[in-house]
Amino acid sequence: LYAPASAAWDGLVSAAAADGVSIRITDSYRSYDQQVDLVNRKGLYSEGGLGARPGTSSHGWGLAVDADVNDARTLDWIRANGPRFGFVEAVPREPWHWEFRPQQVN
């Protein structure tokens, strides 16, 4: 992750742990080639798939994480507290995808 995003994410994870919630990342930075592969496997978001057009993904800029939110308590915690750390739920249909956008939450 981009250094400020990484520091903010570490703070989020620590705060969640203090509340008894464990948050793990399932995906973060992706190179251009990795994004091409993801689109080839999962399709473009604009066409109903799950991948951003290569070169436009916030993962490629080090500004996004995919979190393991299979536990409703984890998702509820991130939704309630993510903005305190600059993270927003930015992509419809992807509750696991969180982007570092502190300018949107201040």
PDB file of N, CA and C in Angstrom:
ATOM      1  N   LEU A   1       0.831  -1.203   0.000  1.00  0.00           N
ATOM      2  CA  LEU A   1       0.000   0.000   0.000  1.00  0.00           C
ATOM      3  C   LEU A   1       0.865   1.252   0.000  1.00  0.00           C
ATOM      4  N   TYR A   2       0.287   2.305  -0.538  1.00  0.00           N
ATOM      5  CA  TYR A   2       0.868   3.638  -0.431  1.00  0.00           C
ATOM      6  C   TYR A   2       1.068   3.909   1.063  1.00  0.00           C
ATOM      7  N   ALA A   3       2.217   4.491   1.439  1.00  0.00           N
ATOM      8  CA  ALA A   3       2.585   4.603   2.859  1.00  0.00           C
ATOM      9  C   ALA A   3       1.490   5.215   3.736  1.00  0.00           C
ATOM     10  N   PRO A   4       0.865   6.344   3.377  1.00  0.00           N
ATOM     11  CA  PRO A   4      -0.198   6.873   4.243  1.00  0.00           C
ATOM     12  C   PRO A   4      -1.395   5.921   4.362  1.00  0.00           C
ATOM     13  N   ALA A   5      -1.719   5.228   3.279  1.00  0.00           N
ATOM     14  CA  ALA A   5      -2.816   4.258   3.332  1.00  0.00           C
ATOM     15  C   ALA A   5      -2.451   3.094   4.244  1.00  0.00           C
ATOM     16  N   SER A   6      -1.215   2.646   4.159  1.00  0.00           N
ATOM     17  CA  SER A   6      -0.754   1.548   4.996  1.00  0.00           C
ATOM     18  C   SER A   6      -0.816   1.910   6.476  1.00  0.00           C
ATOM     19  N   ALA A   7      -0.344   3.109   6.803  1.00  0.00           N
ATOM     20  CA  ALA A   7      -0.377   3.551   8.205  1.00  0.00           C
ATOM     21  C   ALA A   7      -1.812   3.654   8.706  1.00  0.00           C
ATOM     22  N   ALA A   8      -2.696   4.178   7.866  1.00  0.00           N
ATOM     23  CA  ALA A   8      -4.099   4.297   8.257  1.00  0.00           C
ATOM     24  C   ALA A   8      -4.731   2.914   8.422  1.00  0.00           C
ATOM     25  N   TRP A   9      -4.416   2.001   7.520  1.00  0.00           N
ATOM     26  CA  TRP A   9      -4.965   0.640   7.626  1.00  0.00           C
ATOM     27  C   TRP A   9      -4.473  -0.037   8.902  1.00  0.00           C
ATOM     28  N   ASP A  10      -3.194   0.134   9.225  1.00  0.00           N
ATOM     29  CA  ASP A  10      -2.666  -0.446  10.461  1.00  0.00           C
ATOM     30  C   ASP A  10      -3.428   0.092  11.676  1.00  0.00           C
ATOM     31  N   GLY A  11      -3.735   1.385  11.662  1.00  0.00           N
ATOM     32  CA  GLY A  11      -4.520   1.972  12.748  1.00  0.00           C
ATOM     33  C   GLY A  11      -5.912   1.393  12.826  1.00  0.00           C
ATOM     34  N   LEU A  12      -6.526   1.190  11.664  1.00  0.00           N
ATOM     35  CA  LEU A  12      -7.861   0.591  11.605  1.00  0.00           C
ATOM     36  C   LEU A  12      -7.837  -0.818  12.188  1.00  0.00           C
ATOM     37  N   VAL A  13      -6.866  -1.608  11.776  1.00  0.00           N
ATOM     38  CA  VAL A  13      -6.763  -2.995  12.255  1.00  0.00           C
ATOM     39  C   VAL A  13      -6.548  -3.026  13.766  1.00  0.00           C
ATOM     40  N   SER A  14      -5.706  -2.138  14.273  1.00  0.00           N
ATOM     41  CA  SER A  14      -5.460  -2.077  15.723  1.00  0.00           C
ATOM     42  C   SER A  14      -6.715  -1.686  16.493  1.00  0.00           C
ATOM     43  N   ALA A  15      -7.445  -0.699  15.979  1.00  0.00           N
ATOM     44  CA  ALA A  15      -8.681  -0.272  16.638  1.00  0.00           C
ATOM     45  C   ALA A  15      -9.717  -1.390  16.616  1.00  0.00           C
ATOM     46  N   ALA A  16      -9.795  -2.094  15.507  1.00  0.00           N
ATOM     47  CA  ALA A  16     -10.734  -3.215  15.426  1.00  0.00           C
ATOM     48  C   ALA A  16     -10.356  -4.292  16.443  1.00  0.00           C
ATOM     49  N   ALA A  17      -9.068  -4.599  16.547  1.00  0.00           N
ATOM     50  CA  ALA A  17      -8.613  -5.617  17.500  1.00  0.00           C
ATOM     51  C   ALA A  17      -8.972  -5.220  18.925  1.00  0.00           C
ATOM     52  N   ALA A  18      -8.849  -3.930  19.221  1.00  0.00           N
ATOM     53  CA  ALA A  18      -9.207  -3.452  20.568  1.00  0.00           C
ATOM     54  C   ALA A  18     -10.692  -3.656  20.848  1.00  0.00           C
ATOM     55  N   ASP A  19     -11.487  -3.711  19.787  1.00  0.00           N
ATOM     56  CA  ASP A  19     -12.918  -3.972  19.919  1.00  0.00           C
ATOM     57  C   ASP A  19     -13.264  -5.452  19.746  1.00  0.00           C
ATOM     58  N   GLY A  20     -12.230  -6.293  19.651  1.00  0.00           N
ATOM     59  CA  GLY A  20     -12.446  -7.731  19.525  1.00  0.00           C
ATOM     60  C   GLY A  20     -12.770  -8.191  18.117  1.00  0.00           C
ATOM     61  N   VAL A  21     -12.430  -7.382  17.124  1.00  0.00           N
ATOM     62  CA  VAL A  21     -12.710  -7.722  15.726  1.00  0.00           C
ATOM     63  C   VAL A  21     -11.386  -7.914  14.991  1.00  0.00           C
ATOM     64  N   SER A  22     -11.242  -9.051  14.328  1.00  0.00           N
ATOM     65  CA  SER A  22     -10.040  -9.344  13.559  1.00  0.00           C
ATOM     66  C   SER A  22     -10.306  -9.033  12.087  1.00  0.00           C
ATOM     67  N   ILE A  23      -9.440  -8.203  11.500  1.00  0.00           N
ATOM     68  CA  ILE A  23      -9.600  -7.838  10.093  1.00  0.00           C
ATOM     69  C   ILE A  23      -8.355  -8.266   9.336  1.00  0.00           C
ATOM     70  N   ARG A  24      -8.587  -9.051   8.284  1.00  0.00           N
ATOM     71  CA  ARG A  24      -7.486  -9.530   7.448  1.00  0.00           C
ATOM     72  C   ARG A  24      -7.679  -9.044   6.024  1.00  0.00           C
ATOM     73  N   ILE A  25      -6.574  -8.817   5.336  1.00  0.00           N
ATOM     74  CA  ILE A  25      -6.595  -8.424   3.924  1.00  0.00           C
ATOM     75  C   ILE A  25      -6.518  -9.684   3.071  1.00  0.00           C
ATOM     76  N   THR A  26      -7.366  -9.750   2.051  1.00  0.00           N
ATOM     77  CA  THR A  26      -7.292 -10.851   1.100  1.00  0.00           C
ATOM     78  C   THR A  26      -6.585 -10.435  -0.186  1.00  0.00           C
ATOM     79  N   ASP A  27      -6.531  -9.120  -0.450  1.00  0.00           N
ATOM     80  CA  ASP A  27      -5.846  -8.614  -1.636  1.00  0.00           C
ATOM     81  C   ASP A  27      -5.539  -7.137  -1.423  1.00  0.00           C
ATOM     82  N   SER A  28      -4.461  -6.685  -2.024  1.00  0.00           N
ATOM     83  CA  SER A  28      -4.113  -5.269  -1.910  1.00  0.00           C
ATOM     84  C   SER A  28      -3.510  -4.812  -3.232  1.00  0.00           C
ATOM     85  N   TYR A  29      -2.236  -4.424  -3.232  1.00  0.00           N
ATOM     86  CA  TYR A  29      -1.611  -3.917  -4.451  1.00  0.00           C
ATOM     87  C   TYR A  29      -1.658  -4.961  -5.556  1.00  0.00           C
ATOM     88  N   ARG A  30      -1.982  -4.502  -6.765  1.00  0.00           N
ATOM     89  CA  ARG A  30      -1.926  -5.347  -7.958  1.00  0.00           C
ATOM     90  C   ARG A  30      -1.162  -4.610  -9.039  1.00  0.00           C
ATOM     91  N   SER A  31      -0.237  -5.286  -9.664  1.00  0.00           N
ATOM     92  CA  SER A  31       0.459  -4.708 -10.814  1.00  0.00           C
ATOM     93  C   SER A  31      -0.511  -4.649 -12.003  1.00  0.00           C
ATOM     94  N   TYR A  32      -0.121  -3.943 -13.029  1.00  0.00           N
ATOM     95  CA  TYR A  32      -0.927  -3.854 -14.253  1.00  0.00           C
ATOM     96  C   TYR A  32      -1.201  -5.260 -14.793  1.00  0.00           C
ATOM     97  N   ASP A  33      -0.150  -6.084 -14.871  1.00  0.00           N
ATOM     98  CA  ASP A  33      -0.314  -7.443 -15.396  1.00  0.00           C
ATOM     99  C   ASP A  33      -1.254  -8.281 -14.531  1.00  0.00           C
ATOM    100  N   GLN A  34      -1.187  -8.103 -13.216  1.00  0.00           N
ATOM    101  CA  GLN A  34      -2.107  -8.823 -12.338  1.00  0.00           C
ATOM    102  C   GLN A  34      -3.544  -8.356 -12.559  1.00  0.00           C
ATOM    103  N   GLN A  35      -3.736  -7.058 -12.838  1.00  0.00           N
ATOM    104  CA  GLN A  35      -5.077  -6.553 -13.105  1.00  0.00           C
ATOM    105  C   GLN A  35      -5.599  -7.109 -14.426  1.00  0.00           C
ATOM    106  N   VAL A  36      -4.751  -7.204 -15.427  1.00  0.00           N
ATOM    107  CA  VAL A  36      -5.140  -7.812 -16.705  1.00  0.00           C
ATOM    108  C   VAL A  36      -5.603  -9.249 -16.461  1.00  0.00           C
ATOM    109  N   ASP A  37      -4.826  -9.993 -15.685  1.00  0.00           N
ATOM    110  CA  ASP A  37      -5.191 -11.381 -15.377  1.00  0.00           C
ATOM    111  C   ASP A  37      -6.530 -11.449 -14.648  1.00  0.00           C
ATOM    112  N   LEU A  38      -6.729 -10.563 -13.668  1.00  0.00           N
ATOM    113  CA  LEU A  38      -7.994 -10.559 -12.921  1.00  0.00           C
ATOM    114  C   LEU A  38      -9.170 -10.295 -13.858  1.00  0.00           C
ATOM    115  N   VAL A  39      -9.030  -9.312 -14.756  1.00  0.00           N
ATOM    116  CA  VAL A  39     -10.109  -8.999 -15.703  1.00  0.00           C
ATOM    117  C   VAL A  39     -10.360 -10.181 -16.631  1.00  0.00           C
ATOM    118  N   ASN A  40      -9.311 -10.845 -17.058  1.00  0.00           N
ATOM    119  CA  ASN A  40      -9.481 -12.017 -17.917  1.00  0.00           C
ATOM    120  C   ASN A  40     -10.245 -13.128 -17.204  1.00  0.00           C
ATOM    121  N   ARG A  41     -10.014 -13.256 -15.895  1.00  0.00           N
ATOM    122  CA  ARG A  41     -10.682 -14.309 -15.124  1.00  0.00           C
ATOM    123  C   ARG A  41     -12.066 -13.914 -14.633  1.00  0.00           C
ATOM    124  N   LYS A  42     -12.247 -12.628 -14.237  1.00  0.00           N
ATOM    125  CA  LYS A  42     -13.479 -12.222 -13.564  1.00  0.00           C
ATOM    126  C   LYS A  42     -14.306 -11.194 -14.327  1.00  0.00           C
ATOM    127  N   GLY A  43     -13.802 -10.730 -15.454  1.00  0.00           N
ATOM    128  CA  GLY A  43     -14.543  -9.781 -16.274  1.00  0.00           C
ATOM    129  C   GLY A  43     -14.430  -8.353 -15.791  1.00  0.00           C
ATOM    130  N   LEU A  44     -14.811  -7.434 -16.671  1.00  0.00           N
ATOM    131  CA  LEU A  44     -14.798  -6.011 -16.343  1.00  0.00           C
ATOM    132  C   LEU A  44     -16.016  -5.654 -15.508  1.00  0.00           C
ATOM    133  N   TYR A  45     -15.815  -4.816 -14.530  1.00  0.00           N
ATOM    134  CA  TYR A  45     -16.908  -4.370 -13.669  1.00  0.00           C
ATOM    135  C   TYR A  45     -18.022  -3.729 -14.499  1.00  0.00           C
ATOM    136  N   SER A  46     -17.639  -2.929 -15.475  1.00  0.00           N
ATOM    137  CA  SER A  46     -18.625  -2.230 -16.315  1.00  0.00           C
ATOM    138  C   SER A  46     -19.474  -3.182 -17.141  1.00  0.00           C
ATOM    139  N   GLU A  47     -19.048  -4.437 -17.230  1.00  0.00           N
ATOM    140  CA  GLU A  47     -19.783  -5.449 -17.984  1.00  0.00           C
ATOM    141  C   GLU A  47     -20.342  -6.538 -17.069  1.00  0.00           C
ATOM    142  N   GLY A  48     -20.436  -6.222 -15.766  1.00  0.00           N
ATOM    143  CA  GLY A  48     -20.986  -7.175 -14.808  1.00  0.00           C
ATOM    144  C   GLY A  48     -19.956  -8.011 -14.075  1.00  0.00           C
ATOM    145  N   GLY A  49     -18.685  -7.843 -14.399  1.00  0.00           N
ATOM    146  CA  GLY A  49     -17.625  -8.599 -13.740  1.00  0.00           C
ATOM    147  C   GLY A  49     -17.153  -7.905 -12.464  1.00  0.00           C
ATOM    148  N   LEU A  50     -15.936  -8.248 -12.055  1.00  0.00           N
ATOM    149  CA  LEU A  50     -15.406  -7.718 -10.794  1.00  0.00           C
ATOM    150  C   LEU A  50     -14.101  -6.950 -10.935  1.00  0.00           C
ATOM    151  N   GLY A  51     -13.635  -6.733 -12.158  1.00  0.00           N
ATOM    152  CA  GLY A  51     -12.349  -6.068 -12.335  1.00  0.00           C
ATOM    153  C   GLY A  51     -12.459  -4.707 -12.991  1.00  0.00           C
ATOM    154  N   ALA A  52     -11.656  -3.766 -12.487  1.00  0.00           N
ATOM    155  CA  ALA A  52     -11.554  -2.451 -13.117  1.00  0.00           C
ATOM    156  C   ALA A  52     -10.691  -2.572 -14.370  1.00  0.00           C
ATOM    157  N   ARG A  53     -10.919  -1.667 -15.304  1.00  0.00           N
ATOM    158  CA  ARG A  53     -10.090  -1.632 -16.502  1.00  0.00           C
ATOM    159  C   ARG A  53      -8.625  -1.476 -16.075  1.00  0.00           C
ATOM    160  N   PRO A  54      -7.745  -2.335 -16.591  1.00  0.00           N
ATOM    161  CA  PRO A  54      -6.334  -2.236 -16.227  1.00  0.00           C
ATOM    162  C   PRO A  54      -5.810  -0.807 -16.418  1.00  0.00           C
ATOM    163  N   GLY A  55      -5.056  -0.351 -15.434  1.00  0.00           N
ATOM    164  CA  GLY A  55      -4.526   1.004 -15.434  1.00  0.00           C
ATOM    165  C   GLY A  55      -5.390   1.988 -14.669  1.00  0.00           C
ATOM    166  N   THR A  56      -6.601   1.563 -14.283  1.00  0.00           N
ATOM    167  CA  THR A  56      -7.508   2.458 -13.559  1.00  0.00           C
ATOM    168  C   THR A  56      -7.838   1.971 -12.153  1.00  0.00           C
ATOM    169  N   SER A  57      -7.420   0.785 -11.799  1.00  0.00           N
ATOM    170  CA  SER A  57      -7.765   0.217 -10.499  1.00  0.00           C
ATOM    171  C   SER A  57      -7.030   0.924  -9.361  1.00  0.00           C
ATOM    172  N   SER A  58      -7.760   1.215  -8.298  1.00  0.00           N
ATOM    173  CA  SER A  58      -7.125   1.807  -7.116  1.00  0.00           C
ATOM    174  C   SER A  58      -6.161   0.825  -6.455  1.00  0.00           C
ATOM    175  N   HIS A  59      -6.313  -0.460  -6.751  1.00  0.00           N
ATOM    176  CA  HIS A  59      -5.337  -1.441  -6.259  1.00  0.00           C
ATOM    177  C   HIS A  59      -3.959  -1.164  -6.868  1.00  0.00           C
ATOM    178  N   GLY A  60      -3.945  -0.769  -8.130  1.00  0.00           N
ATOM    179  CA  GLY A  60      -2.692  -0.487  -8.818  1.00  0.00           C
ATOM    180  C   GLY A  60      -1.993   0.769  -8.331  1.00  0.00           C
ATOM    181  N   TRP A  61      -2.718   1.626  -7.621  1.00  0.00           N
ATOM    182  CA  TRP A  61      -2.131   2.844  -7.063  1.00  0.00           C
ATOM    183  C   TRP A  61      -1.802   2.672  -5.580  1.00  0.00           C
ATOM    184  N   GLY A  62      -2.033   1.478  -5.052  1.00  0.00           N
ATOM    185  CA  GLY A  62      -1.741   1.225  -3.640  1.00  0.00           C
ATOM    186  C   GLY A  62      -2.726   1.889  -2.701  1.00  0.00           C
ATOM    187  N   LEU A  63      -3.947   2.112  -3.189  1.00  0.00           N
ATOM    188  CA  LEU A  63      -4.951   2.827  -2.401  1.00  0.00           C
ATOM    189  C   LEU A  63      -6.150   1.970  -2.022  1.00  0.00           C
ATOM    190  N   ALA A  64      -6.095   0.679  -2.279  1.00  0.00           N
ATOM    191  CA  ALA A  64      -7.247  -0.167  -1.974  1.00  0.00           C
ATOM    192  C   ALA A  64      -6.825  -1.476  -1.338  1.00  0.00           C
ATOM    193  N   VAL A  65      -7.705  -1.968  -0.487  1.00  0.00           N
ATOM    194  CA  VAL A  65      -7.555  -3.294   0.087  1.00  0.00           C
ATOM    195  C   VAL A  65      -8.871  -4.043  -0.092  1.00  0.00           C
ATOM    196  N   ASP A  66      -8.763  -5.331  -0.234  1.00  0.00           N
ATOM    197  CA  ASP A  66      -9.919  -6.206  -0.152  1.00  0.00           C
ATOM    198  C   ASP A  66      -9.787  -6.915   1.189  1.00  0.00           C
ATOM    199  N   ALA A  67     -10.806  -6.754   2.016  1.00  0.00           N
ATOM    200  CA  ALA A  67     -10.789  -7.314   3.364  1.00  0.00           C
ATOM    201  C   ALA A  67     -11.674  -8.547   3.431  1.00  0.00           C
ATOM    202  N   ASP A  68     -11.309  -9.460   4.295  1.00  0.00           N
ATOM    203  CA  ASP A  68     -12.146 -10.633   4.547  1.00  0.00           C
ATOM    204  C   ASP A  68     -13.316 -10.178   5.413  1.00  0.00           C
ATOM    205  N   VAL A  69     -14.470 -10.010   4.785  1.00  0.00           N
ATOM    206  CA  VAL A  69     -15.664  -9.528   5.500  1.00  0.00           C
ATOM    207  C   VAL A  69     -16.759 -10.586   5.513  1.00  0.00           C
ATOM    208  N   ASN A  70     -16.364 -11.853   5.480  1.00  0.00           N
ATOM    209  CA  ASN A  70     -17.353 -12.934   5.516  1.00  0.00           C
ATOM    210  C   ASN A  70     -18.133 -12.961   6.821  1.00  0.00           C
ATOM    211  N   ASP A  71     -17.521 -12.436   7.871  1.00  0.00           N
ATOM    212  CA  ASP A  71     -18.194 -12.335   9.168  1.00  0.00           C
ATOM    213  C   ASP A  71     -18.933 -10.989   9.203  1.00  0.00           C
ATOM    214  N   ALA A  72     -20.235 -11.019   9.427  1.00  0.00           N
ATOM    215  CA  ALA A  72     -21.045  -9.786   9.425  1.00  0.00           C
ATOM    216  C   ALA A  72     -20.536  -8.779  10.447  1.00  0.00           C
ATOM    217  N   ARG A  73     -20.029  -9.249  11.565  1.00  0.00           N
ATOM    218  CA  ARG A  73     -19.520  -8.331  12.590  1.00  0.00           C
ATOM    219  C   ARG A  73     -18.328  -7.533  12.061  1.00  0.00           C
ATOM    220  N   THR A  74     -17.479  -8.189  11.289  1.00  0.00           N
ATOM    221  CA  THR A  74     -16.323  -7.503  10.700  1.00  0.00           C
ATOM    222  C   THR A  74     -16.788  -6.438   9.719  1.00  0.00           C
ATOM    223  N   LEU A  75     -17.699  -6.796   8.837  1.00  0.00           N
ATOM    224  CA  LEU A  75     -18.206  -5.828   7.865  1.00  0.00           C
ATOM    225  C   LEU A  75     -18.900  -4.663   8.564  1.00  0.00           C
ATOM    226  N   ASP A  76     -19.702  -4.952   9.554  1.00  0.00           N
ATOM    227  CA  ASP A  76     -20.379  -3.888  10.303  1.00  0.00           C
ATOM    228  C   ASP A  76     -19.357  -2.950  10.954  1.00  0.00           C
ATOM    229  N   TRP A  77     -18.278  -3.515  11.504  1.00  0.00           N
ATOM    230  CA  TRP A  77     -17.273  -2.700  12.170  1.00  0.00           C
ATOM    231  C   TRP A  77     -16.583  -1.782  11.153  1.00  0.00           C
ATOM    232  N   ILE A  78     -16.179  -2.340  10.020  1.00  0.00           N
ATOM    233  CA  ILE A  78     -15.500  -1.516   9.011  1.00  0.00           C
ATOM    234  C   ILE A  78     -16.440  -0.424   8.496  1.00  0.00           C
ATOM    235  N   ARG A  79     -17.677  -0.764   8.252  1.00  0.00           N
ATOM    236  CA  ARG A  79     -18.624   0.251   7.771  1.00  0.00           C
ATOM    237  C   ARG A  79     -18.792   1.379   8.784  1.00  0.00           C
ATOM    238  N   ALA A  80     -18.819   1.043  10.051  1.00  0.00           N
ATOM    239  CA  ALA A  80     -19.006   2.054  11.095  1.00  0.00           C
ATOM    240  C   ALA A  80     -17.737   2.860  11.358  1.00  0.00           C
ATOM    241  N   ASN A  81     -16.568   2.248  11.180  1.00  0.00           N
ATOM    242  CA  ASN A  81     -15.320   2.879  11.606  1.00  0.00           C
ATOM    243  C   ASN A  81     -14.318   3.186  10.503  1.00  0.00           C
ATOM    244  N   GLY A  82     -14.462   2.568   9.345  1.00  0.00           N
ATOM    245  CA  GLY A  82     -13.521   2.797   8.248  1.00  0.00           C
ATOM    246  C   GLY A  82     -13.283   4.265   7.935  1.00  0.00           C
ATOM    247  N   PRO A  83     -14.343   5.077   7.853  1.00  0.00           N
ATOM    248  CA  PRO A  83     -14.145   6.493   7.532  1.00  0.00           C
ATOM    249  C   PRO A  83     -13.254   7.237   8.535  1.00  0.00           C
ATOM    250  N   ARG A  84     -13.248   6.827   9.794  1.00  0.00           N
ATOM    251  CA  ARG A  84     -12.349   7.458  10.783  1.00  0.00           C
ATOM    252  C   ARG A  84     -10.893   7.344  10.371  1.00  0.00           C
ATOM    253  N   PHE A  85     -10.589   6.321   9.590  1.00  0.00           N
ATOM    254  CA  PHE A  85      -9.225   6.045   9.158  1.00  0.00           C
ATOM    255  C   PHE A  85      -9.005   6.385   7.683  1.00  0.00           C
ATOM    256  N   GLY A  86     -10.003   6.996   7.063  1.00  0.00           N
ATOM    257  CA  GLY A  86      -9.876   7.427   5.675  1.00  0.00           C
ATOM    258  C   GLY A  86     -10.311   6.414   4.644  1.00  0.00           C
ATOM    259  N   PHE A  87     -10.933   5.314   5.079  1.00  0.00           N
ATOM    260  CA  PHE A  87     -11.345   4.271   4.142  1.00  0.00           C
ATOM    261  C   PHE A  87     -12.844   4.330   3.875  1.00  0.00           C
ATOM    262  N   VAL A  88     -13.187   4.214   2.595  1.00  0.00           N
ATOM    263  CA  VAL A  88     -14.589   4.235   2.181  1.00  0.00           C
ATOM    264  C   VAL A  88     -14.917   2.978   1.389  1.00  0.00           C
ATOM    265  N   GLU A  89     -16.162   2.599   1.481  1.00  0.00           N
ATOM    266  CA  GLU A  89     -16.686   1.471   0.699  1.00  0.00           C
ATOM    267  C   GLU A  89     -17.074   2.058  -0.653  1.00  0.00           C
ATOM    268  N   ALA A  90     -16.177   1.940  -1.619  1.00  0.00           N
ATOM    269  CA  ALA A  90     -16.278   2.727  -2.844  1.00  0.00           C
ATOM    270  C   ALA A  90     -16.880   2.007  -4.038  1.00  0.00           C
ATOM    271  N   VAL A  91     -17.037   0.713  -3.971  1.00  0.00           N
ATOM    272  CA  VAL A  91     -17.466  -0.031  -5.154  1.00  0.00           C
ATOM    273  C   VAL A  91     -18.740  -0.813  -4.852  1.00  0.00           C
ATOM    274  N   PRO A  92     -19.853  -0.416  -5.468  1.00  0.00           N
ATOM    275  CA  PRO A  92     -21.086  -1.198  -5.285  1.00  0.00           C
ATOM    276  C   PRO A  92     -20.831  -2.659  -5.674  1.00  0.00           C
ATOM    277  N   ARG A  93     -21.515  -3.551  -5.034  1.00  0.00           N
ATOM    278  CA  ARG A  93     -21.397  -4.999  -5.257  1.00  0.00           C
ATOM    279  C   ARG A  93     -20.135  -5.601  -4.668  1.00  0.00           C
ATOM    280  N   GLU A  94     -19.269  -4.793  -4.025  1.00  0.00           N
ATOM    281  CA  GLU A  94     -18.029  -5.329  -3.468  1.00  0.00           C
ATOM    282  C   GLU A  94     -17.835  -4.840  -2.034  1.00  0.00           C
ATOM    283  N   PRO A  95     -18.554  -5.417  -1.077  1.00  0.00           N
ATOM    284  CA  PRO A  95     -18.416  -4.958   0.309  1.00  0.00           C
ATOM    285  C   PRO A  95     -17.033  -5.216   0.895  1.00  0.00           C
ATOM    286  N   TRP A  96     -16.240  -6.021   0.245  1.00  0.00           N
ATOM    287  CA  TRP A  96     -14.892  -6.323   0.713  1.00  0.00           C
ATOM    288  C   TRP A  96     -13.877  -5.268   0.273  1.00  0.00           C
ATOM    289  N   HIS A  97     -14.246  -4.435  -0.707  1.00  0.00           N
ATOM    290  CA  HIS A  97     -13.311  -3.479  -1.316  1.00  0.00           C
ATOM    291  C   HIS A  97     -13.378  -2.142  -0.594  1.00  0.00           C
ATOM    292  N   TRP A  98     -12.230  -1.725  -0.020  1.00  0.00           N
ATOM    293  CA  TRP A  98     -12.140  -0.470   0.733  1.00  0.00           C
ATOM    294  C   TRP A  98     -11.017   0.376   0.171  1.00  0.00           C
ATOM    295  N   GLU A  99     -11.340   1.635  -0.131  1.00  0.00           N
ATOM    296  CA  GLU A  99     -10.362   2.541  -0.725  1.00  0.00           C
ATOM    297  C   GLU A  99      -9.981   3.642   0.254  1.00  0.00           C
ATOM    298  N   PHE A 100      -8.710   3.978   0.226  1.00  0.00           N
ATOM    299  CA  PHE A 100      -8.197   5.064   1.053  1.00  0.00           C
ATOM    300  C   PHE A 100      -8.498   6.374   0.338  1.00  0.00           C
ATOM    301  N   ARG A 101      -9.474   7.097   0.870  1.00  0.00           N
ATOM    302  CA  ARG A 101      -9.901   8.387   0.321  1.00  0.00           C
ATOM    303  C   ARG A 101     -10.153   9.363   1.462  1.00  0.00           C
ATOM    304  N   PRO A 102      -9.121   9.725   2.187  1.00  0.00           N
ATOM    305  CA  PRO A 102      -9.335  10.575   3.366  1.00  0.00           C
ATOM    306  C   PRO A 102      -9.978  11.918   3.042  1.00  0.00           C
ATOM    307  N   GLN A 103      -9.783  12.412   1.843  1.00  0.00           N
ATOM    308  CA  GLN A 103     -10.376  13.690   1.460  1.00  0.00           C
ATOM    309  C   GLN A 103     -11.901  13.611   1.402  1.00  0.00           C
ATOM    310  N   GLN A 104     -12.458  12.421   1.279  1.00  0.00           N
ATOM    311  CA  GLN A 104     -13.910  12.264   1.209  1.00  0.00           C
ATOM    312  C   GLN A 104     -14.550  12.147   2.584  1.00  0.00           C
ATOM    313  N   VAL A 105     -13.766  11.883   3.602  1.00  0.00           N
ATOM    314  CA  VAL A 105     -14.345  11.649   4.926  1.00  0.00           C
ATOM    315  C   VAL A 105     -14.001  12.727   5.935  1.00  0.00           C
ATOM    316  N   ASN A 106     -13.196  13.697   5.576  1.00  0.00           N
ATOM    317  CA  ASN A 106     -12.828  14.762   6.510  1.00  0.00           C
ATOM    318  C   ASN A 106     -13.791  15.907   6.436  1.00  0.00           C
TER     319      ASN A 106
END
